[in-house]
C-alpha atoms as a PDB file:
ATOM      1  CA  VAL A   1      13.839 -12.426  -6.777  1.00  0.00           C
ATOM      2  CA  PRO A   2      13.680  -8.593  -6.749  1.00  0.00           C
ATOM      3  CA  LEU A   3      14.858  -8.589  -3.125  1.00  0.00           C
ATOM      4  CA  LEU A   4      17.866 -10.758  -4.017  1.00  0.00           C
ATOM      5  CA  VAL A   5      18.834  -8.062  -6.519  1.00  0.00           C
ATOM      6  CA  TYR A   6      17.821  -5.075  -4.358  1.00  0.00           C
ATOM      7  CA  PHE A   7      19.729  -5.758  -1.133  1.00  0.00           C
ATOM      8  CA  PRO A   8      23.190  -6.350  -2.716  1.00  0.00           C
ATOM      9  CA  LEU A   9      22.713  -3.239  -4.872  1.00  0.00           C
ATOM     10  CA  ARG A  10      21.676  -1.234  -1.810  1.00  0.00           C
ATOM     11  CA  ALA A  11      24.743  -2.478   0.104  1.00  0.00           C
ATOM     12  CA  ALA A  12      26.953  -1.441  -2.840  1.00  0.00           C
ATOM     13  CA  ALA A  13      25.281   1.992  -3.082  1.00  0.00           C
ATOM     14  CA  THR A  14      25.718   2.631   0.650  1.00  0.00           C
ATOM     15  CA  GLU A  15      29.400   1.577   0.613  1.00  0.00           C
ATOM     16  CA  GLY A  16      28.826  -1.781   2.272  1.00  0.00           C
ATOM     17  CA  ARG A  17      26.447  -0.535   4.967  1.00  0.00           C
ATOM     18  CA  LEU A  18      22.986  -1.983   4.448  1.00  0.00           C
ATOM     19  CA  PHE A  19      21.592   0.143   7.319  1.00  0.00           C
ATOM     20  CA  LEU A  20      22.719   3.771   7.275  1.00  0.00           C
ATOM     21  CA  SER A  21      23.884   4.995  10.688  1.00  0.00           C
ATOM     22  CA  THR A  22      23.231   8.657   9.865  1.00  0.00           C
ATOM     23  CA  PRO A  23      20.366   9.993   7.768  1.00  0.00           C
ATOM     24  CA  LEU A  24      21.143  11.596   4.423  1.00  0.00           C
ATOM     25  CA  SER A  25      19.117  14.693   5.253  1.00  0.00           C
ATOM     26  CA  LEU A  26      16.696  15.424   8.076  1.00  0.00           C
ATOM     27  CA  THR A  27      14.934  17.904   5.812  1.00  0.00           C
ATOM     28  CA  MET A  28      14.168  15.143   3.315  1.00  0.00           C
ATOM     29  CA  ASN A  29      13.494  12.446   5.921  1.00  0.00           C
ATOM     30  CA  PRO A  30      12.130  13.694   9.250  1.00  0.00           C
ATOM     31  CA  VAL A  31      11.364  10.071  10.194  1.00  0.00           C
ATOM     32  CA  ALA A  32      15.132   9.453  10.520  1.00  0.00           C
ATOM     33  CA  GLU A  33      15.221  10.920  14.027  1.00  0.00           C
ATOM     34  CA  ALA A  34      11.952   9.335  15.183  1.00  0.00           C
ATOM     35  CA  VAL A  35      12.299   6.647  17.837  1.00  0.00           C
ATOM     36  CA  GLY A  36       9.987   4.037  19.343  1.00  0.00           C
ATOM     37  CA  PHE A  37       6.305   4.864  18.988  1.00  0.00           C
ATOM     38  CA  GLN A  38       7.106   7.857  16.730  1.00  0.00           C
ATOM     39  CA  ARG A  39       8.699   5.504  14.201  1.00  0.00           C
ATOM     40  CA  VAL A  40       5.565   3.323  14.170  1.00  0.00           C
ATOM     41  CA  THR A  41       3.145   6.247  13.834  1.00  0.00           C
ATOM     42  CA  SER A  42       5.353   7.825  11.151  1.00  0.00           C
ATOM     43  CA  ALA A  43       5.245   4.607   9.114  1.00  0.00           C
ATOM     44  CA  LEU A  44       1.446   4.580   9.449  1.00  0.00           C
ATOM     45  CA  VAL A  45       1.293   8.247   8.369  1.00  0.00           C
ATOM     46  CA  VAL A  46       3.396   7.423   5.313  1.00  0.00           C
ATOM     47  CA  LEU A  47       1.080   4.505   4.428  1.00  0.00           C
ATOM     48  CA  GLY A  48      -1.920   6.795   4.907  1.00  0.00           C
ATOM     49  CA  HIS A  49      -0.435   9.313   2.483  1.00  0.00           C
ATOM     50  CA  TYR A  50       0.354   6.626  -0.085  1.00  0.00           C
ATOM     51  CA  THR A  51      -3.217   5.344   0.199  1.00  0.00           C
ATOM     52  CA  ARG A  52      -4.563   8.878  -0.235  1.00  0.00           C
ATOM     53  CA  LEU A  53      -2.270   9.524  -3.190  1.00  0.00           C
ATOM     54  CA  SER A  54      -3.418   6.287  -4.847  1.00  0.00           C
ATOM     55  CA  TRP A  55      -7.082   7.357  -4.831  1.00  0.00           C
ATOM     56  CA  ALA A  56      -7.063  11.162  -4.522  1.00  0.00           C
ATOM     57  CA  PRO A  57      -3.761  12.505  -5.838  1.00  0.00           C
ATOM     58  CA  ALA A  58      -4.039  16.130  -4.780  1.00  0.00           C
ATOM     59  CA  ARG A  59      -1.065  18.355  -3.949  1.00  0.00           C
ATOM     60  CA  LEU A  60       1.600  16.136  -5.454  1.00  0.00           C
ATOM     61  CA  SER A  61       5.281  16.698  -4.690  1.00  0.00           C
ATOM     62  CA  THR A  62       8.568  15.074  -5.607  1.00  0.00           C
ATOM     63  CA  ASP A  63       9.476  14.711  -1.929  1.00  0.00           C
ATOM     64  CA  TYR A  64       7.711  15.411   1.365  1.00  0.00           C
ATOM     65  CA  GLY A  65       9.383  16.875   4.451  1.00  0.00           C
ATOM     66  CA  TYR A  66       8.316  18.190   7.865  1.00  0.00           C
ATOM     67  CA  ALA A  67       5.331  20.049   6.423  1.00  0.00           C
ATOM     68  CA  VAL A  68       3.696  16.703   5.653  1.00  0.00           C
ATOM     69  CA  ILE A  69       5.346  14.240   8.047  1.00  0.00           C
ATOM     70  CA  ASP A  70       6.350  15.342  11.514  1.00  0.00           C
ATOM     71  CA  PRO A  71       6.985  12.487  13.973  1.00  0.00           C
ATOM     72  CA  ALA A  72       6.243  14.840  16.892  1.00  0.00           C
ATOM     73  CA  ARG A  73       2.585  15.222  15.772  1.00  0.00           C
ATOM     74  CA  GLY A  74       1.833  11.655  16.819  1.00  0.00           C
ATOM     75  CA  PHE A  75      -1.274   9.757  15.816  1.00  0.00           C
ATOM     76  CA  GLU A  76      -2.848  12.050  13.218  1.00  0.00           C
ATOM     77  CA  PRO A  77      -5.631  11.278  10.670  1.00  0.00           C
ATOM     78  CA  MET A  78      -3.220   9.877   8.063  1.00  0.00           C
ATOM     79  CA  ALA A  79      -1.917   7.436  10.697  1.00  0.00           C
ATOM     80  CA  VAL A  80      -5.511   6.287  11.273  1.00  0.00           C
ATOM     81  CA  LEU A  81      -5.895   5.680   7.521  1.00  0.00           C
ATOM     82  CA  GLY A  82      -2.592   3.764   7.470  1.00  0.00           C
ATOM     83  CA  LEU A  83      -3.701   1.688  10.459  1.00  0.00           C
ATOM     84  CA  VAL A  84      -7.009   0.857   8.724  1.00  0.00           C
ATOM     85  CA  VAL A  85      -5.076  -0.352   5.652  1.00  0.00           C
ATOM     86  CA  ILE A  86      -2.653  -2.472   7.734  1.00  0.00           C
ATOM     87  CA  VAL A  87      -5.460  -3.992   9.830  1.00  0.00           C
ATOM     88  CA  GLY A  88      -7.564  -4.629   6.707  1.00  0.00           C
ATOM     89  CA  LEU A  89      -4.733  -6.416   4.890  1.00  0.00           C
ATOM     90  CA  GLY A  90      -3.918  -8.353   8.071  1.00  0.00           C
ATOM     91  CA  LEU A  91      -7.531  -9.486   8.482  1.00  0.00           C
ATOM     92  CA  LEU A  92      -7.654 -10.599   4.838  1.00  0.00           C
ATOM     93  CA  ALA A  93      -4.487 -12.642   5.343  1.00  0.00           C
ATOM     94  CA  VAL A  94      -5.774 -14.214   8.590  1.00  0.00           C
ATOM     95  CA  ARG A  95      -9.129 -15.002   6.967  1.00  0.00           C
ATOM     96  CA  TRP A  96      -7.362 -16.694   4.075  1.00  0.00           C
ATOM     97  CA  ILE A  97      -5.087 -18.708   6.407  1.00  0.00           C
ATOM     98  CA  VAL A  98      -8.125 -19.909   8.412  1.00  0.00           C
ATOM     99  CA  ARG A  99      -9.902 -20.920   5.211  1.00  0.00           C
ATOM    100  CA  VAL A 100      -6.801 -22.724   3.914  1.00  0.00           C
ATOM    101  CA  CYS A 101      -6.725 -24.872   7.051  1.00  0.00           C
ATOM    102  CA  ARG A 102     -10.142 -26.298   6.170  1.00  0.00           C
ATOM    103  CA  PRO A 103      -9.754 -29.371   3.912  1.00  0.00           C
ATOM    104  CA  GLY A 104     -11.115 -28.921   0.401  1.00  0.00           C
ATOM    105  CA  SER A 105     -11.791 -25.188   0.799  1.00  0.00           C
ATOM    106  CA  ALA A 106     -11.725 -22.832  -2.170  1.00  0.00           C
ATOM    107  CA  ALA A 107      -9.003 -20.822  -0.400  1.00  0.00           C
ATOM    108  CA  GLN A 108      -6.548 -23.681  -0.943  1.00  0.00           C
ATOM    109  CA  ARG A 109      -6.983 -23.202  -4.667  1.00  0.00           C
ATOM    110  CA  GLU A 110      -7.064 -19.385  -4.531  1.00  0.00           C
ATOM    111  CA  PRO A 111      -4.043 -18.129  -2.573  1.00  0.00           C
ATOM    112  CA  ARG A 112      -3.852 -14.861  -4.509  1.00  0.00           C
ATOM    113  CA  PHE A 113      -5.768 -12.789  -1.925  1.00  0.00           C
ATOM    114  CA  ALA A 114      -3.304 -13.252   0.927  1.00  0.00           C
ATOM    115  CA  LEU A 115      -0.339 -13.381  -1.447  1.00  0.00           C
ATOM    116  CA  LEU A 116      -1.176  -9.980  -2.957  1.00  0.00           C
ATOM    117  CA  GLY A 117      -1.670  -8.470   0.505  1.00  0.00           C
ATOM    118  CA  LEU A 118       1.636  -9.897   1.743  1.00  0.00           C
ATOM    119  CA  LEU A 119       3.477  -8.680  -1.372  1.00  0.00           C
ATOM    120  CA  LEU A 120       1.982  -5.213  -0.875  1.00  0.00           C
ATOM    121  CA  LEU A 121       3.109  -5.103   2.762  1.00  0.00           C
ATOM    122  CA  ALA A 122       6.558  -6.572   2.043  1.00  0.00           C
ATOM    123  CA  SER A 123       7.279  -4.113  -0.754  1.00  0.00           C
ATOM    124  CA  TYR A 124       5.942  -1.223   1.333  1.00  0.00           C
ATOM    125  CA  PHE A 125       8.160  -2.064   4.324  1.00  0.00           C
ATOM    126  CA  LEU A 126      11.256  -1.701   2.129  1.00  0.00           C
ATOM    127  CA  PHE A 127      10.817   2.074   1.894  1.00  0.00           C
ATOM    128  CA  SER A 128       8.520   2.913   4.834  1.00  0.00           C
ATOM    129  CA  ASN A 129      11.464   3.775   7.141  1.00  0.00           C
ATOM    130  CA  THR A 130      10.184   1.095   9.514  1.00  0.00           C
ATOM    131  CA  LEU A 131      13.052  -1.360   9.081  1.00  0.00           C
ATOM    132  CA  VAL A 132      15.564   0.429   6.855  1.00  0.00           C
ATOM    133  CA  LEU A 133      16.141   4.202   6.850  1.00  0.00           C
ATOM    134  CA  ILE A 134      16.168   5.720   3.380  1.00  0.00           C
ATOM    135  CA  GLY A 135      16.842   9.239   2.116  1.00  0.00           C
ATOM    136  CA  VAL A 136      13.217  10.462   2.057  1.00  0.00           C
ATOM    137  CA  SER A 137      10.170   9.985   4.245  1.00  0.00           C
ATOM    138  CA  LEU A 138       7.619   9.931   1.426  1.00  0.00           C
ATOM    139  CA  ALA A 139       7.843  10.142  -2.371  1.00  0.00           C
ATOM    140  CA  GLU A 140       5.264   9.062  -4.952  1.00  0.00           C
ATOM    141  CA  ARG A 141       7.860   7.322  -7.105  1.00  0.00           C
ATOM    142  CA  LEU A 142       8.555   4.868  -4.274  1.00  0.00           C
ATOM    143  CA  PHE A 143       4.992   3.545  -4.346  1.00  0.00           C
ATOM    144  CA  TYR A 144       5.084   2.389  -7.979  1.00  0.00           C
ATOM    145  CA  TRP A 145       6.086  -1.189  -7.119  1.00  0.00           C
ATOM    146  CA  PRO A 146       3.561  -1.670  -4.270  1.00  0.00           C
ATOM    147  CA  SER A 147       0.857  -0.034  -6.378  1.00  0.00           C
ATOM    148  CA  VAL A 148       0.982  -3.082  -8.675  1.00  0.00           C
ATOM    149  CA  TRP A 149      -0.154  -5.299  -5.791  1.00  0.00           C
ATOM    150  CA  SER A 150      -2.751  -2.773  -4.619  1.00  0.00           C
ATOM    151  CA  ILE A 151      -4.270  -2.543  -8.115  1.00  0.00           C
ATOM    152  CA  LEU A 152      -4.418  -6.351  -8.346  1.00  0.00           C
ATOM    153  CA  LEU A 153      -6.070  -6.480  -4.894  1.00  0.00           C
ATOM    154  CA  VAL A 154      -8.704  -3.943  -5.977  1.00  0.00           C
ATOM    155  CA  THR A 155      -9.322  -5.949  -9.138  1.00  0.00           C
ATOM    156  CA  THR A 156      -9.610  -9.214  -7.199  1.00  0.00           C
ATOM    157  CA  TYR A 157     -11.889  -7.923  -4.450  1.00  0.00           C
ATOM    158  CA  PHE A 158     -14.091  -5.424  -6.288  1.00  0.00           C
ATOM    159  CA  VAL A 159     -13.951  -5.749 -10.065  1.00  0.00           C
ATOM    160  CA  THR A 160     -14.221  -9.560 -10.288  1.00  0.00           C
ATOM    161  CA  PRO A 161     -17.306  -9.791  -7.978  1.00  0.00           C
ATOM    162  CA  VAL A 162     -19.009  -6.938  -9.867  1.00  0.00           C
ATOM    163  CA  GLN A 163     -18.389  -8.745 -13.167  1.00  0.00           C
ATOM    164  CA  SER A 164     -19.867 -11.940 -11.701  1.00  0.00           C
ATOM    165  CA  MET A 165     -22.905  -9.984 -10.488  1.00  0.00           C
ATOM    166  CA  LEU A 166     -23.402  -8.396 -13.913  1.00  0.00           C
ATOM    167  CA  ASN A 167     -23.263 -11.807 -15.566  1.00  0.00           C
ATOM    168  CA  SER A 168     -25.847 -13.375 -13.214  1.00  0.00           C
ATOM    169  CA  ASP A 169     -29.362 -14.098 -14.488  1.00  0.00           C
ATOM    170  CA  GLY A 170     -31.159 -12.575 -11.463  1.00  0.00           C
ATOM    171  CA  LEU A 171     -30.166  -8.974 -12.274  1.00  0.00           C
ATOM    172  CA  SER A 172     -32.555  -6.686 -14.144  1.00  0.00           C
ATOM    173  CA  ARG A 173     -31.500  -4.797 -17.251  1.00  0.00           C
ATOM    174  CA  ARG A 174     -31.798  -1.451 -15.393  1.00  0.00           C
ATOM    175  CA  ALA A 175     -29.558  -2.669 -12.569  1.00  0.00           C
ATOM    176  CA  ARG A 176     -26.958  -3.803 -15.096  1.00  0.00           C
ATOM    177  CA  ILE A 177     -27.015  -0.416 -16.820  1.00  0.00           C
ATOM    178  CA  ALA A 178     -26.741   1.413 -13.492  1.00  0.00           C
ATOM    179  CA  ILE A 179     -23.777  -0.695 -12.330  1.00  0.00           C
ATOM    180  CA  GLY A 180     -22.073  -0.376 -15.715  1.00  0.00           C
ATOM    181  CA  SER A 181     -22.575   3.404 -15.658  1.00  0.00           C
ATOM    182  CA  LEU A 182     -20.995   3.661 -12.202  1.00  0.00           C
ATOM    183  CA  GLY A 183     -18.049   1.659 -13.511  1.00  0.00           C
ATOM    184  CA  LEU A 184     -17.698   4.032 -16.457  1.00  0.00           C
ATOM    185  CA  LEU A 185     -17.711   7.003 -14.049  1.00  0.00           C
ATOM    186  CA  PHE A 186     -15.073   5.299 -11.896  1.00  0.00           C
ATOM    187  CA  LEU A 187     -12.726   4.844 -14.873  1.00  0.00           C
ATOM    188  CA  PRO A 188     -12.157   8.598 -15.536  1.00  0.00           C
ATOM    189  CA  MET A 189     -11.336   9.082 -11.842  1.00  0.00           C
ATOM    190  CA  LEU A 190      -8.572   6.479 -12.071  1.00  0.00           C
ATOM    191  CA  ALA A 191      -7.435   7.792 -15.467  1.00  0.00           C
ATOM    192  CA  GLY A 192      -7.316  11.328 -14.041  1.00  0.00           C
ATOM    193  CA  ARG A 193      -4.943  10.047 -11.379  1.00  0.00           C
ATOM    194  CA  THR A 194      -2.547   8.993 -14.135  1.00  0.00           C
END
């Protein structure tokens, strides 16, 4: 539903051209002139930066230019982080699809894992400069929508199992206190990000 609203509004904002033929500003979007493999590595670098900003929001900026993203640098550490995220989400989706194919599996009743990963990737591709060029290469405000899916994924994969473990009978009181304390330490880190 959001895409049905987004694309007509984008076409109206770009005077009927869904895909811009010329970039708004190469200073704001160095990815605009990247071609071939540079475009792929740039998209991975952008995803790496968004992942970093989600968990360790240091050196924030309203927009990022050549100082942060330079397609000519190639496969840099942020591209590796972006690749790890893409491969991880892809493996989760494949694992879920394989489990769904088995009759009576729990995955048939729990499609949220793959769905959240696919929603995260789909919303990310809208502004990653992979398919559609936009005015900037990287901006924190663009990751608000995908961050919803990433937070739900973290909750599904980490918080829910920890809660189940804490509620099990085989865990000692000390272990419960230690795990709860780690959770309480984790909360200020996430709150500090806000």
